[in-house]
Amino acid sequence: MPYGTPEETSRRTYRARAISVESVGEYKLMITCDAETDNMAAPEVAALFQKFVDHLSTSPDFTVTATRTKEFVEQVTPTA
């Protein structure tokens, strides 16, 4: 099956994860947060998410990681 040229979509996923320094029993507590809005491609989303991550990172009780994922789409056509 031939694949087309990858095209970037406007779909973005922003995810923050905070992992506790302290353990609950033998495990760390992991809290995951996904950002959502009707227009994830708006530049303001990245700025606000960065503020959120910066705020979470001020806590000495958690280790914070964050990601932004962009979606790409390739059209697939049947072989003749």
Protein backbone atom coordinates (compact mmCIF):
# COMPACT_ATOMS: atom_id res chain seq x y z
CA MET A 1 0.00 0.00 0.00
CA PRO A 2 1.45 3.33 -0.97
CA TYR A 3 1.59 6.03 1.68
CA GLY A 4 1.15 9.69 0.93
CA THR A 5 3.18 12.60 2.18
CA PRO A 6 2.84 13.12 5.94
CA GLU A 7 0.75 16.20 6.64
CA GLU A 8 0.70 17.93 9.98
CA THR A 9 -2.75 18.35 11.51
CA SER A 10 -3.82 20.97 14.01
CA ARG A 11 -4.19 18.28 16.67
CA ARG A 12 -1.87 18.76 19.64
CA THR A 13 -1.70 16.91 22.92
CA TYR A 14 -0.19 18.52 25.99
CA ARG A 15 0.48 16.26 28.97
CA ALA A 16 2.05 16.98 32.34
CA ARG A 17 3.04 14.30 34.79
CA ALA A 18 3.98 14.80 38.43
CA ILE A 19 5.64 11.95 40.33
CA SER A 20 5.84 12.15 44.10
CA VAL A 21 9.20 12.20 45.80
CA GLU A 22 7.58 10.37 48.72
CA SER A 23 6.42 6.79 48.26
CA VAL A 24 3.03 5.32 49.05
CA GLY A 25 4.05 1.94 50.34
CA GLU A 26 6.66 0.84 47.82
CA TYR A 27 5.34 2.97 44.94
CA LYS A 28 5.47 6.61 43.91
CA LEU A 29 2.22 8.48 43.30
CA MET A 30 1.90 9.50 39.63
CA ILE A 31 -0.54 12.24 38.61
CA THR A 32 -1.14 12.82 34.90
CA CYS A 33 -2.92 15.85 33.47
CA ASP A 34 -3.94 16.40 29.82
CA ALA A 35 -4.74 19.89 28.53
CA GLU A 36 -7.87 20.30 26.41
CA THR A 37 -9.53 23.13 24.52
CA ASP A 38 -11.41 23.56 21.23
CA ASN A 39 -8.36 25.08 19.50
CA MET A 40 -5.23 23.26 20.61
CA ALA A 41 -3.21 24.87 17.78
CA ALA A 42 -3.67 28.38 19.20
CA PRO A 43 -0.32 29.83 20.31
CA GLU A 44 -1.80 30.82 23.66
CA VAL A 45 -2.20 27.13 24.56
CA ALA A 46 1.56 26.55 24.60
CA ALA A 47 2.15 29.67 26.72
CA LEU A 48 -0.52 28.75 29.28
CA PHE A 49 0.64 25.15 29.46
CA GLN A 50 4.19 26.35 30.08
CA LYS A 51 2.93 28.50 32.98
CA PHE A 52 1.14 25.46 34.40
CA VAL A 53 4.29 23.30 34.17
CA ASP A 54 6.39 26.08 35.72
CA HIS A 55 3.92 26.31 38.61
CA LEU A 56 3.95 22.54 39.21
CA SER A 57 7.73 22.51 39.09
CA THR A 58 8.01 24.83 42.09
CA SER A 59 6.93 22.03 44.44
CA PRO A 60 9.79 20.14 46.07
CA ASP A 61 7.40 17.21 46.62
CA PHE A 62 7.08 16.22 42.96
CA THR A 63 9.25 15.61 39.92
CA VAL A 64 7.49 17.09 36.89
CA THR A 65 7.75 16.11 33.23
CA ALA A 66 5.72 17.47 30.33
CA THR A 67 5.26 16.69 26.65
CA ARG A 68 3.61 18.14 23.58
CA THR A 69 2.68 15.74 20.80
CA LYS A 70 1.80 16.80 17.25
CA GLU A 71 -0.22 14.56 14.98
CA PHE A 72 0.77 13.79 11.41
CA VAL A 73 -1.51 12.04 8.91
CA GLU A 74 -0.60 10.03 5.80
CA GLN A 75 -3.23 9.06 3.27
CA VAL A 76 -3.07 5.36 2.36
CA THR A 77 -4.24 4.19 -1.04
CA PRO A 78 -4.91 0.61 -2.07
CA THR A 79 -2.44 -1.03 -4.41
CA ALA A 80 -3.72 -1.69 -7.91
